[in-house]
Amino acid sequence: MRRPFTNDFSWSKSRHEKFQECLRSYYFFYYGSWGGWESAAPEAVRELYVLKKLGNRYAWAGSVVHDAIKDALLDWRAGRTVDPAKVEARTHKLMREDFKHSATKGYWTQKYRKTFSGLVEHEYGEPVSDEAWKQNWETVRSALGWFFGSRWPELARGLKSAQWLEVDAGADFSTFTLDGVKVFAIPDFAYLEADGTPVVVDWKTGKARDGYDEQVLGYALYVTQRYRLPLEKVRASLVYLNDGVEHAVHVDRDAVEGFKARFTASVARMRELLADPSSNTPKDVSAFPQTEDLTPCVRCAFRRPCGREAAVAAMKVA
C-alpha cells in the first residue's frame, strides 16, 4: 500500500535562508501552499502553490546551466560523446521555449518541465529590457563555454565506473538524517579520485556569497553517510563558472561541528513556530510576520497574496 503523502518536517540550506529572510514567505512556501496541486484545492492555496514554483531570471539561468552540465556528465558517465556546440544550441532553444511558456503565463494552466515553471518578472509584469534578457542568455552561454574549456570534461571522461558517485541525483535520493531530521543535500557532482578520495562539487553561475561554504559542508556530510566514507578525507569545491574560479571548502571536524551547531539552532527556531511538532502543523499565519525590510520583497513571488505588490512596484519605479 502506498504511503500517504504528508507534509513532513525537513531541513535544507534553502529552507533555512527563507526562514531567516521572511517568516511570512516561509509560511506560504512550506505550509500555506501545501496541497495546491490538488484539483479541489481552495483558490488561495492553489495560488500560493503556483507562485512558489516561480523563479527569477537569474535563478533560471543558473538552473539551465546546471541541467546542461548534468546532462553532459551523465552522457560521459555512459560513455557517450558530448558536442559543446550542440549543447549550447539545445540550451538556447530550451530557454526560448521557457520564455514563451512564462511570458504567456502558461504555468497557471499547463504542466511544463520539472525544473522550470515560470518567472516572477512575467507574473508581475516587471519592465525588463530586451538587453537584460539577452544578458541572461549570455550568462548561460559564458558559463557553459568556460565549463567545456575547463579541466572538468577531461576529468569526467577519465573516471572509471566505480569512481562515479552522483550527478545531481535530486531530492528523492539525496537526503540524510541528522539528529532525527531529514536533510536535503544534493551535490551537483560527486566522485572518487583514483586514490579513493571523495570529492563533492557545486557549480555556481553567480558571485560568491555567504552561505555557500555551509551548503557544501552539508554535501560532505551527506556523502559520508550514504557511501560510508571517512569525513576527514572528503574534498569539497565551489566552482564559479562565470568567473572561472574554483574555491576549495575546508572540510574537517571543527567545520562540520560548526555546521551541526548552526543546524541544531535553525531547527529549534523553526520548531518553535509549530503548533504540533509531531505532525509538522504550524501555528496560525499571524505567528509568521512579514519582514519589515522591503528589499527581499522585490524578488519574492508571494508579493500579491502578501499584500505588498503595490509597494514593490513603487520601489521599482522609484
C-alpha atoms as a PDB file:
ATOM      1  CA  MET A   1       0.000   0.000   0.000  1.00  0.00           C
ATOM      2  CA  ARG A   2       1.331   3.410  -0.974  1.00  0.00           C
ATOM      3  CA  ARG A   3       2.404   5.662   1.903  1.00  0.00           C
ATOM      4  CA  PRO A   4       0.161   8.743   2.282  1.00  0.00           C
ATOM      5  CA  PHE A   5       1.716  11.996   1.027  1.00  0.00           C
ATOM      6  CA  THR A   6       2.316  14.098   4.126  1.00  0.00           C
ATOM      7  CA  ASN A   7       3.993  17.425   4.817  1.00  0.00           C
ATOM      8  CA  ASP A   8       6.829  16.101   6.988  1.00  0.00           C
ATOM      9  CA  PHE A   9       9.354  18.391   8.609  1.00  0.00           C
ATOM     10  CA  SER A  10      12.756  18.515   6.913  1.00  0.00           C
ATOM     11  CA  TRP A  11      15.698  20.889   6.646  1.00  0.00           C
ATOM     12  CA  SER A  12      17.766  22.310   3.829  1.00  0.00           C
ATOM     13  CA  LYS A  13      20.040  25.304   3.376  1.00  0.00           C
ATOM     14  CA  SER A  14      17.440  27.000   1.170  1.00  0.00           C
ATOM     15  CA  ARG A  15      14.724  26.439   3.808  1.00  0.00           C
ATOM     16  CA  HIS A  16      16.970  27.965   6.470  1.00  0.00           C
ATOM     17  CA  GLU A  17      17.648  31.011   4.278  1.00  0.00           C
ATOM     18  CA  LYS A  18      13.949  31.551   3.587  1.00  0.00           C
ATOM     19  CA  PHE A  19      13.222  31.288   7.313  1.00  0.00           C
ATOM     20  CA  GLN A  20      15.887  33.893   8.046  1.00  0.00           C
ATOM     21  CA  GLU A  21      14.718  36.275   5.332  1.00  0.00           C
ATOM     22  CA  CYS A  22      10.941  36.449   5.866  1.00  0.00           C
ATOM     23  CA  LEU A  23       8.709  34.312   8.081  1.00  0.00           C
ATOM     24  CA  ARG A  24       5.571  35.080   6.056  1.00  0.00           C
ATOM     25  CA  SER A  25       7.217  33.920   2.830  1.00  0.00           C
ATOM     26  CA  TYR A  26       8.478  30.852   4.695  1.00  0.00           C
ATOM     27  CA  TYR A  27       4.931  30.053   5.847  1.00  0.00           C
ATOM     28  CA  PHE A  28       3.479  30.475   2.353  1.00  0.00           C
ATOM     29  CA  PHE A  29       6.180  28.300   0.783  1.00  0.00           C
ATOM     30  CA  TYR A  30       6.212  25.380   3.214  1.00  0.00           C
ATOM     31  CA  TYR A  31       2.710  25.423   4.692  1.00  0.00           C
ATOM     32  CA  GLY A  32       0.195  27.731   3.014  1.00  0.00           C
ATOM     33  CA  SER A  33       0.805  26.224  -0.442  1.00  0.00           C
ATOM     34  CA  TRP A  34       0.551  22.604   0.711  1.00  0.00           C
ATOM     35  CA  GLY A  35      -1.988  20.643  -1.332  1.00  0.00           C
ATOM     36  CA  GLY A  36      -2.208  23.316  -4.017  1.00  0.00           C
ATOM     37  CA  TRP A  37      -1.640  20.711  -6.734  1.00  0.00           C
ATOM     38  CA  GLU A  38      -4.989  19.063  -5.946  1.00  0.00           C
ATOM     39  CA  SER A  39      -7.857  19.840  -8.341  1.00  0.00           C
ATOM     40  CA  ALA A  40     -10.123  20.596  -5.375  1.00  0.00           C
ATOM     41  CA  ALA A  41      -7.629  22.885  -3.621  1.00  0.00           C
ATOM     42  CA  PRO A  42      -9.018  26.247  -2.426  1.00  0.00           C
ATOM     43  CA  GLU A  43      -8.191  29.103  -4.778  1.00  0.00           C
ATOM     44  CA  ALA A  44      -5.893  30.815  -2.259  1.00  0.00           C
ATOM     45  CA  VAL A  45      -3.897  27.621  -1.703  1.00  0.00           C
ATOM     46  CA  ARG A  46      -3.690  26.966  -5.443  1.00  0.00           C
ATOM     47  CA  GLU A  47      -2.347  30.489  -5.983  1.00  0.00           C
ATOM     48  CA  LEU A  48       0.393  30.027  -3.381  1.00  0.00           C
ATOM     49  CA  TYR A  49       1.362  26.679  -4.898  1.00  0.00           C
ATOM     50  CA  VAL A  50       1.734  28.132  -8.406  1.00  0.00           C
ATOM     51  CA  LEU A  51       3.629  31.171  -7.147  1.00  0.00           C
ATOM     52  CA  LYS A  52       6.078  29.131  -5.044  1.00  0.00           C
ATOM     53  CA  LYS A  53       7.260  27.367  -8.195  1.00  0.00           C
ATOM     54  CA  LEU A  54       8.198  30.600  -9.975  1.00  0.00           C
ATOM     55  CA  GLY A  55      11.784  31.798 -10.068  1.00  0.00           C
ATOM     56  CA  ASN A  56      13.501  34.939 -11.292  1.00  0.00           C
ATOM     57  CA  ARG A  57      15.626  35.268 -14.430  1.00  0.00           C
ATOM     58  CA  TYR A  58      18.900  34.902 -12.528  1.00  0.00           C
ATOM     59  CA  ALA A  59      17.874  31.653 -10.839  1.00  0.00           C
ATOM     60  CA  TRP A  60      16.525  30.467 -14.201  1.00  0.00           C
ATOM     61  CA  ALA A  61      19.923  30.997 -15.836  1.00  0.00           C
ATOM     62  CA  GLY A  62      21.621  29.039 -13.066  1.00  0.00           C
ATOM     63  CA  SER A  63      19.121  26.194 -13.314  1.00  0.00           C
ATOM     64  CA  VAL A  64      19.533  25.921 -17.081  1.00  0.00           C
ATOM     65  CA  VAL A  65      23.315  25.759 -16.739  1.00  0.00           C
ATOM     66  CA  HIS A  66      23.067  23.102 -14.032  1.00  0.00           C
ATOM     67  CA  ASP A  67      20.737  20.995 -16.179  1.00  0.00           C
ATOM     68  CA  ALA A  68      23.016  21.248 -19.221  1.00  0.00           C
ATOM     69  CA  ILE A  69      26.109  20.246 -17.236  1.00  0.00           C
ATOM     70  CA  LYS A  70      24.187  17.429 -15.571  1.00  0.00           C
ATOM     71  CA  ASP A  71      23.190  16.018 -18.964  1.00  0.00           C
ATOM     72  CA  ALA A  72      26.784  16.263 -20.212  1.00  0.00           C
ATOM     73  CA  LEU A  73      28.147  14.475 -17.146  1.00  0.00           C
ATOM     74  CA  LEU A  74      25.563  11.706 -17.467  1.00  0.00           C
ATOM     75  CA  ASP A  75      26.491  11.285 -21.132  1.00  0.00           C
ATOM     76  CA  TRP A  76      30.176  10.980 -20.270  1.00  0.00           C
ATOM     77  CA  ARG A  77      29.328   8.533 -17.493  1.00  0.00           C
ATOM     78  CA  ALA A  78      27.507   6.392 -20.075  1.00  0.00           C
ATOM     79  CA  GLY A  79      30.433   6.614 -22.487  1.00  0.00           C
ATOM     80  CA  ARG A  80      28.674   8.910 -24.949  1.00  0.00           C
ATOM     81  CA  THR A  81      30.267  11.800 -26.841  1.00  0.00           C
ATOM     82  CA  VAL A  82      29.249  15.363 -25.993  1.00  0.00           C
ATOM     83  CA  ASP A  83      29.392  18.173 -28.556  1.00  0.00           C
ATOM     84  CA  PRO A  84      29.612  21.547 -26.724  1.00  0.00           C
ATOM     85  CA  ALA A  85      28.207  23.420 -29.741  1.00  0.00           C
ATOM     86  CA  LYS A  86      25.129  21.198 -29.780  1.00  0.00           C
ATOM     87  CA  VAL A  87      24.711  21.618 -26.031  1.00  0.00           C
ATOM     88  CA  GLU A  88      24.767  25.399 -26.441  1.00  0.00           C
ATOM     89  CA  ALA A  89      22.269  25.321 -29.320  1.00  0.00           C
ATOM     90  CA  ARG A  90      19.946  22.954 -27.458  1.00  0.00           C
ATOM     91  CA  THR A  91      20.130  25.099 -24.332  1.00  0.00           C
ATOM     92  CA  HIS A  92      19.374  28.282 -26.265  1.00  0.00           C
ATOM     93  CA  LYS A  93      16.335  26.634 -27.864  1.00  0.00           C
ATOM     94  CA  LEU A  94      15.148  25.435 -24.457  1.00  0.00           C
ATOM     95  CA  MET A  95      15.396  28.935 -22.998  1.00  0.00           C
ATOM     96  CA  ARG A  96      13.371  30.352 -25.878  1.00  0.00           C
ATOM     97  CA  GLU A  97      10.654  27.781 -25.179  1.00  0.00           C
ATOM     98  CA  ASP A  98      10.825  28.526 -21.459  1.00  0.00           C
ATOM     99  CA  PHE A  99      10.485  32.239 -22.115  1.00  0.00           C
ATOM    100  CA  LYS A 100       7.428  31.763 -24.313  1.00  0.00           C
ATOM    101  CA  HIS A 101       5.772  29.492 -21.741  1.00  0.00           C
ATOM    102  CA  SER A 102       6.416  32.006 -18.961  1.00  0.00           C
ATOM    103  CA  ALA A 103       5.513  35.135 -20.939  1.00  0.00           C
ATOM    104  CA  THR A 104       2.075  33.680 -21.740  1.00  0.00           C
ATOM    105  CA  LYS A 105       1.684  32.597 -18.080  1.00  0.00           C
ATOM    106  CA  GLY A 106       1.175  29.030 -19.181  1.00  0.00           C
ATOM    107  CA  TYR A 107       2.190  27.882 -15.699  1.00  0.00           C
ATOM    108  CA  TRP A 108      -1.324  28.642 -14.439  1.00  0.00           C
ATOM    109  CA  THR A 109      -2.953  26.063 -16.713  1.00  0.00           C
ATOM    110  CA  GLN A 110      -0.300  23.745 -18.138  1.00  0.00           C
ATOM    111  CA  LYS A 111       2.269  21.300 -16.863  1.00  0.00           C
ATOM    112  CA  TYR A 112       5.751  22.021 -18.134  1.00  0.00           C
ATOM    113  CA  ARG A 113       9.229  20.701 -17.497  1.00  0.00           C
ATOM    114  CA  LYS A 114      10.131  19.720 -13.938  1.00  0.00           C
ATOM    115  CA  THR A 115      12.915  22.224 -13.256  1.00  0.00           C
ATOM    116  CA  PHE A 116      11.145  25.271 -14.692  1.00  0.00           C
ATOM    117  CA  SER A 117       7.649  26.653 -14.206  1.00  0.00           C
ATOM    118  CA  GLY A 118       7.784  30.369 -14.947  1.00  0.00           C
ATOM    119  CA  LEU A 119       9.269  33.721 -13.968  1.00  0.00           C
ATOM    120  CA  VAL A 120       8.176  36.324 -11.430  1.00  0.00           C
ATOM    121  CA  GLU A 121       9.122  39.032 -13.930  1.00  0.00           C
ATOM    122  CA  HIS A 122       6.273  37.864 -16.181  1.00  0.00           C
ATOM    123  CA  GLU A 123       3.796  37.200 -13.380  1.00  0.00           C
ATOM    124  CA  TYR A 124       4.083  40.756 -12.094  1.00  0.00           C
ATOM    125  CA  GLY A 125       4.663  42.484 -15.423  1.00  0.00           C
ATOM    126  CA  GLU A 126       8.068  43.819 -14.430  1.00  0.00           C
ATOM    127  CA  PRO A 127       9.744  46.074 -17.011  1.00  0.00           C
ATOM    128  CA  VAL A 128      12.769  44.094 -18.224  1.00  0.00           C
ATOM    129  CA  SER A 129      14.571  45.342 -21.313  1.00  0.00           C
ATOM    130  CA  ASP A 130      15.403  43.117 -24.278  1.00  0.00           C
ATOM    131  CA  GLU A 131      19.057  43.771 -23.499  1.00  0.00           C
ATOM    132  CA  ALA A 132      18.606  42.403 -19.969  1.00  0.00           C
ATOM    133  CA  TRP A 133      17.001  39.224 -21.305  1.00  0.00           C
ATOM    134  CA  LYS A 134      19.845  38.849 -23.804  1.00  0.00           C
ATOM    135  CA  GLN A 135      22.343  39.292 -20.973  1.00  0.00           C
ATOM    136  CA  ASN A 136      20.647  36.427 -19.155  1.00  0.00           C
ATOM    137  CA  TRP A 137      21.402  34.177 -22.117  1.00  0.00           C
ATOM    138  CA  GLU A 138      24.981  35.478 -22.263  1.00  0.00           C
ATOM    139  CA  THR A 139      25.412  34.434 -18.625  1.00  0.00           C
ATOM    140  CA  VAL A 140      24.364  30.903 -19.576  1.00  0.00           C
ATOM    141  CA  ARG A 141      26.471  30.807 -22.743  1.00  0.00           C
ATOM    142  CA  SER A 142      29.545  32.093 -20.918  1.00  0.00           C
ATOM    143  CA  ALA A 143      29.182  29.585 -18.076  1.00  0.00           C
ATOM    144  CA  LEU A 144      28.848  26.641 -20.458  1.00  0.00           C
ATOM    145  CA  GLY A 145      31.746  27.885 -22.562  1.00  0.00           C
ATOM    146  CA  TRP A 146      34.035  28.057 -19.535  1.00  0.00           C
ATOM    147  CA  PHE A 147      32.927  24.637 -18.301  1.00  0.00           C
ATOM    148  CA  PHE A 148      33.614  22.871 -21.601  1.00  0.00           C
ATOM    149  CA  GLY A 149      37.009  24.559 -21.830  1.00  0.00           C
ATOM    150  CA  SER A 150      37.967  23.706 -18.253  1.00  0.00           C
ATOM    151  CA  ARG A 151      39.560  20.620 -16.723  1.00  0.00           C
ATOM    152  CA  TRP A 152      36.210  19.097 -15.778  1.00  0.00           C
ATOM    153  CA  PRO A 153      35.240  17.390 -19.053  1.00  0.00           C
ATOM    154  CA  GLU A 154      38.565  15.552 -19.259  1.00  0.00           C
ATOM    155  CA  LEU A 155      38.322  14.591 -15.594  1.00  0.00           C
ATOM    156  CA  ALA A 156      34.773  13.243 -16.046  1.00  0.00           C
ATOM    157  CA  ARG A 157      35.656  11.286 -19.181  1.00  0.00           C
ATOM    158  CA  GLY A 158      38.580   9.702 -17.353  1.00  0.00           C
ATOM    159  CA  LEU A 159      36.577   8.394 -14.396  1.00  0.00           C
ATOM    160  CA  LYS A 160      36.041   4.661 -14.184  1.00  0.00           C
ATOM    161  CA  SER A 161      32.561   3.352 -13.485  1.00  0.00           C
ATOM    162  CA  ALA A 162      33.295   2.689  -9.808  1.00  0.00           C
ATOM    163  CA  GLN A 163      34.539   6.264  -9.305  1.00  0.00           C
ATOM    164  CA  TRP A 164      31.205   7.912 -10.133  1.00  0.00           C
ATOM    165  CA  LEU A 165      29.063   8.608  -7.091  1.00  0.00           C
ATOM    166  CA  GLU A 166      26.336  11.076  -8.114  1.00  0.00           C
ATOM    167  CA  VAL A 167      25.324  13.672 -10.662  1.00  0.00           C
ATOM    168  CA  ASP A 168      22.606  15.895  -9.177  1.00  0.00           C
ATOM    169  CA  ALA A 169      20.517  12.885  -8.124  1.00  0.00           C
ATOM    170  CA  GLY A 170      17.587  15.022  -6.914  1.00  0.00           C
ATOM    171  CA  ALA A 171      15.522  15.417  -3.769  1.00  0.00           C
ATOM    172  CA  ASP A 172      14.055  11.917  -3.976  1.00  0.00           C
ATOM    173  CA  PHE A 173      17.522  10.431  -3.471  1.00  0.00           C
ATOM    174  CA  SER A 174      19.983  12.890  -1.944  1.00  0.00           C
ATOM    175  CA  THR A 175      18.934  13.097   1.692  1.00  0.00           C
ATOM    176  CA  PHE A 176      20.415  12.058   5.005  1.00  0.00           C
ATOM    177  CA  THR A 177      19.339  12.144   8.638  1.00  0.00           C
ATOM    178  CA  LEU A 178      20.876  14.438  11.219  1.00  0.00           C
ATOM    179  CA  ASP A 179      19.603  14.350  14.807  1.00  0.00           C
ATOM    180  CA  GLY A 180      16.467  12.612  13.557  1.00  0.00           C
ATOM    181  CA  VAL A 181      15.713  15.292  10.941  1.00  0.00           C
ATOM    182  CA  LYS A 182      15.608  14.623   7.207  1.00  0.00           C
ATOM    183  CA  VAL A 183      18.150  16.872   5.491  1.00  0.00           C
ATOM    184  CA  PHE A 184      18.198  17.615   1.772  1.00  0.00           C
ATOM    185  CA  ALA A 185      21.719  17.864   0.359  1.00  0.00           C
ATOM    186  CA  ILE A 186      22.072  17.470  -3.413  1.00  0.00           C
ATOM    187  CA  PRO A 187      25.636  17.790  -4.722  1.00  0.00           C
ATOM    188  CA  ASP A 188      25.898  18.714  -8.390  1.00  0.00           C
ATOM    189  CA  PHE A 189      28.732  16.218  -8.851  1.00  0.00           C
ATOM    190  CA  ALA A 190      30.332  13.681  -6.517  1.00  0.00           C
ATOM    191  CA  TYR A 191      33.060  11.214  -7.418  1.00  0.00           C
ATOM    192  CA  LEU A 192      36.081   9.327  -6.126  1.00  0.00           C
ATOM    193  CA  GLU A 193      39.596  10.193  -7.174  1.00  0.00           C
ATOM    194  CA  ALA A 194      41.908   7.358  -8.233  1.00  0.00           C
ATOM    195  CA  ASP A 195      43.196   7.013  -4.652  1.00  0.00           C
ATOM    196  CA  GLY A 196      39.649   6.798  -3.265  1.00  0.00           C
ATOM    197  CA  THR A 197      39.393  10.397  -2.074  1.00  0.00           C
ATOM    198  CA  PRO A 198      35.742  11.529  -2.255  1.00  0.00           C
ATOM    199  CA  VAL A 199      35.098  14.883  -3.939  1.00  0.00           C
ATOM    200  CA  VAL A 200      31.881  16.935  -3.927  1.00  0.00           C
ATOM    201  CA  VAL A 201      31.382  19.784  -6.386  1.00  0.00           C
ATOM    202  CA  ASP A 202      28.848  22.604  -6.603  1.00  0.00           C
ATOM    203  CA  TRP A 203      28.553  24.699  -9.777  1.00  0.00           C
ATOM    204  CA  LYS A 204      27.702  28.398  -9.358  1.00  0.00           C
ATOM    205  CA  THR A 205      26.741  30.957 -12.014  1.00  0.00           C
ATOM    206  CA  GLY A 206      26.575  33.906  -9.637  1.00  0.00           C
ATOM    207  CA  LYS A 207      29.083  35.652  -7.432  1.00  0.00           C
ATOM    208  CA  ALA A 208      30.425  34.214  -4.173  1.00  0.00           C
ATOM    209  CA  ARG A 209      28.288  34.939  -1.134  1.00  0.00           C
ATOM    210  CA  ASP A 210      27.935  33.937   2.486  1.00  0.00           C
ATOM    211  CA  GLY A 211      26.405  30.520   2.992  1.00  0.00           C
ATOM    212  CA  TYR A 212      27.869  28.682   0.029  1.00  0.00           C
ATOM    213  CA  ASP A 213      30.595  27.011   2.115  1.00  0.00           C
ATOM    214  CA  GLU A 214      27.917  25.911   4.571  1.00  0.00           C
ATOM    215  CA  GLN A 215      25.936  24.339   1.760  1.00  0.00           C
ATOM    216  CA  VAL A 216      28.905  22.281   0.611  1.00  0.00           C
ATOM    217  CA  LEU A 217      29.622  21.112   4.165  1.00  0.00           C
ATOM    218  CA  GLY A 218      26.134  19.617   4.084  1.00  0.00           C
ATOM    219  CA  TYR A 219      27.079  17.777   0.896  1.00  0.00           C
ATOM    220  CA  ALA A 220      30.178  16.416   2.600  1.00  0.00           C
ATOM    221  CA  LEU A 221      28.106  15.059   5.473  1.00  0.00           C
ATOM    222  CA  TYR A 222      25.674  13.540   3.008  1.00  0.00           C
ATOM    223  CA  VAL A 223      28.277  11.581   1.008  1.00  0.00           C
ATOM    224  CA  THR A 224      29.984  10.321   4.163  1.00  0.00           C
ATOM    225  CA  GLN A 225      26.677   8.930   5.423  1.00  0.00           C
ATOM    226  CA  ARG A 226      25.340   7.492   2.179  1.00  0.00           C
ATOM    227  CA  TYR A 227      28.604   5.934   0.994  1.00  0.00           C
ATOM    228  CA  ARG A 228      30.158   5.271   4.409  1.00  0.00           C
ATOM    229  CA  LEU A 229      33.226   7.337   3.655  1.00  0.00           C
ATOM    230  CA  PRO A 230      35.572   8.963   6.192  1.00  0.00           C
ATOM    231  CA  LEU A 231      34.706  12.621   6.684  1.00  0.00           C
ATOM    232  CA  GLU A 232      38.330  13.692   7.051  1.00  0.00           C
ATOM    233  CA  LYS A 233      39.085  12.534   3.503  1.00  0.00           C
ATOM    234  CA  VAL A 234      36.311  14.468   1.749  1.00  0.00           C
ATOM    235  CA  ARG A 235      37.351  17.297  -0.557  1.00  0.00           C
ATOM    236  CA  ALA A 236      34.799  19.930  -1.496  1.00  0.00           C
ATOM    237  CA  SER A 237      34.834  22.547  -4.224  1.00  0.00           C
ATOM    238  CA  LEU A 238      32.729  25.517  -5.253  1.00  0.00           C
ATOM    239  CA  VAL A 239      33.171  26.248  -8.961  1.00  0.00           C
ATOM    240  CA  TYR A 240      32.181  29.738 -10.112  1.00  0.00           C
ATOM    241  CA  LEU A 241      31.574  29.127 -13.803  1.00  0.00           C
ATOM    242  CA  ASN A 242      31.238  32.725 -14.975  1.00  0.00           C
ATOM    243  CA  ASP A 243      34.327  33.874 -13.110  1.00  0.00           C
ATOM    244  CA  GLY A 244      36.344  30.754 -13.928  1.00  0.00           C
ATOM    245  CA  VAL A 245      37.280  30.328 -10.267  1.00  0.00           C
ATOM    246  CA  GLU A 246      37.435  27.183  -8.157  1.00  0.00           C
ATOM    247  CA  HIS A 247      37.202  27.593  -4.398  1.00  0.00           C
ATOM    248  CA  ALA A 248      38.175  24.725  -2.093  1.00  0.00           C
ATOM    249  CA  VAL A 249      35.978  24.367   1.003  1.00  0.00           C
ATOM    250  CA  HIS A 250      37.843  23.127   4.044  1.00  0.00           C
ATOM    251  CA  VAL A 251      36.191  20.021   5.487  1.00  0.00           C
ATOM    252  CA  ASP A 252      37.325  18.991   8.945  1.00  0.00           C
ATOM    253  CA  ARG A 253      35.793  18.122  12.308  1.00  0.00           C
ATOM    254  CA  ASP A 254      35.677  21.723  13.528  1.00  0.00           C
ATOM    255  CA  ALA A 255      33.939  22.954  10.361  1.00  0.00           C
ATOM    256  CA  VAL A 256      31.416  20.126  10.473  1.00  0.00           C
ATOM    257  CA  GLU A 257      30.731  20.580  14.194  1.00  0.00           C
ATOM    258  CA  GLY A 258      30.085  24.246  13.500  1.00  0.00           C
ATOM    259  CA  PHE A 259      27.649  23.264  10.741  1.00  0.00           C
ATOM    260  CA  LYS A 260      25.864  20.871  13.108  1.00  0.00           C
ATOM    261  CA  ALA A 261      25.555  23.527  15.814  1.00  0.00           C
ATOM    262  CA  ARG A 262      24.040  26.028  13.383  1.00  0.00           C
ATOM    263  CA  PHE A 263      21.750  23.323  12.022  1.00  0.00           C
ATOM    264  CA  THR A 264      20.520  22.466  15.532  1.00  0.00           C
ATOM    265  CA  ALA A 265      19.780  26.129  16.288  1.00  0.00           C
ATOM    266  CA  SER A 266      17.981  26.575  12.968  1.00  0.00           C
ATOM    267  CA  VAL A 267      15.771  23.517  13.512  1.00  0.00           C
ATOM    268  CA  ALA A 268      14.924  24.655  17.048  1.00  0.00           C
ATOM    269  CA  ARG A 269      13.773  28.086  15.807  1.00  0.00           C
ATOM    270  CA  MET A 270      11.633  26.509  13.073  1.00  0.00           C
ATOM    271  CA  ARG A 271      10.008  24.120  15.527  1.00  0.00           C
ATOM    272  CA  GLU A 272       9.158  26.970  17.890  1.00  0.00           C
ATOM    273  CA  LEU A 273       6.613  28.066  15.278  1.00  0.00           C
ATOM    274  CA  LEU A 274       4.859  24.696  15.126  1.00  0.00           C
ATOM    275  CA  ALA A 275       1.609  24.106  16.987  1.00  0.00           C
ATOM    276  CA  ASP A 276       2.300  20.368  16.827  1.00  0.00           C
ATOM    277  CA  PRO A 277       5.900  19.397  16.008  1.00  0.00           C
ATOM    278  CA  SER A 278       4.991  15.700  15.733  1.00  0.00           C
ATOM    279  CA  SER A 279       2.746  16.373  12.729  1.00  0.00           C
ATOM    280  CA  ASN A 280       4.601  19.467  11.442  1.00  0.00           C
ATOM    281  CA  THR A 281       1.457  21.544  11.969  1.00  0.00           C
ATOM    282  CA  PRO A 282       2.268  25.271  12.000  1.00  0.00           C
ATOM    283  CA  LYS A 283       0.862  27.901  14.291  1.00  0.00           C
ATOM    284  CA  ASP A 284      -1.539  30.438  12.830  1.00  0.00           C
ATOM    285  CA  VAL A 285      -0.181  32.556   9.991  1.00  0.00           C
ATOM    286  CA  SER A 286      -0.077  35.522  12.396  1.00  0.00           C
ATOM    287  CA  ALA A 287       2.875  33.812  14.099  1.00  0.00           C
ATOM    288  CA  PHE A 288       4.803  34.275  10.835  1.00  0.00           C
ATOM    289  CA  PRO A 289       5.032  38.076  10.401  1.00  0.00           C
ATOM    290  CA  GLN A 290       6.178  39.846   7.246  1.00  0.00           C
ATOM    291  CA  THR A 291       9.699  41.161   7.171  1.00  0.00           C
ATOM    292  CA  GLU A 292       9.897  44.897   7.818  1.00  0.00           C
ATOM    293  CA  ASP A 293      12.584  45.228   5.160  1.00  0.00           C
ATOM    294  CA  LEU A 294      11.004  45.501   1.710  1.00  0.00           C
ATOM    295  CA  THR A 295      14.234  44.584  -0.074  1.00  0.00           C
ATOM    296  CA  PRO A 296      13.540  40.807  -0.157  1.00  0.00           C
ATOM    297  CA  CYS A 297      10.007  41.519  -1.413  1.00  0.00           C
ATOM    298  CA  VAL A 298      11.437  42.761  -4.717  1.00  0.00           C
ATOM    299  CA  ARG A 299      12.335  39.178  -5.675  1.00  0.00           C
ATOM    300  CA  CYS A 300       9.549  37.410  -3.760  1.00  0.00           C
ATOM    301  CA  ALA A 301       6.864  35.551  -5.716  1.00  0.00           C
ATOM    302  CA  PHE A 302       4.336  35.996  -2.884  1.00  0.00           C
ATOM    303  CA  ARG A 303       4.129  39.787  -3.001  1.00  0.00           C
ATOM    304  CA  ARG A 304       0.470  39.746  -4.166  1.00  0.00           C
ATOM    305  CA  PRO A 305      -1.030  37.380  -1.534  1.00  0.00           C
ATOM    306  CA  CYS A 306       1.210  39.112   0.992  1.00  0.00           C
ATOM    307  CA  GLY A 307      -0.326  42.492   0.105  1.00  0.00           C
ATOM    308  CA  ARG A 308       2.925  44.092  -0.998  1.00  0.00           C
ATOM    309  CA  GLU A 309       2.591  44.074  -4.791  1.00  0.00           C
ATOM    310  CA  ALA A 310       1.915  47.818  -4.981  1.00  0.00           C
ATOM    311  CA  ALA A 311       4.768  48.653  -2.603  1.00  0.00           C
ATOM    312  CA  VAL A 312       7.231  46.603  -4.665  1.00  0.00           C
ATOM    313  CA  ALA A 313       6.019  48.182  -7.911  1.00  0.00           C
ATOM    314  CA  ALA A 314       6.554  51.620  -6.395  1.00  0.00           C
ATOM    315  CA  MET A 315      10.083  50.668  -5.332  1.00  0.00           C
ATOM    316  CA  LYS A 316      10.927  49.547  -8.872  1.00  0.00           C
ATOM    317  CA  VAL A 317       9.641  52.797 -10.355  1.00  0.00           C
ATOM    318  CA  ALA A 318      11.496  54.975  -7.850  1.00  0.00           C
END
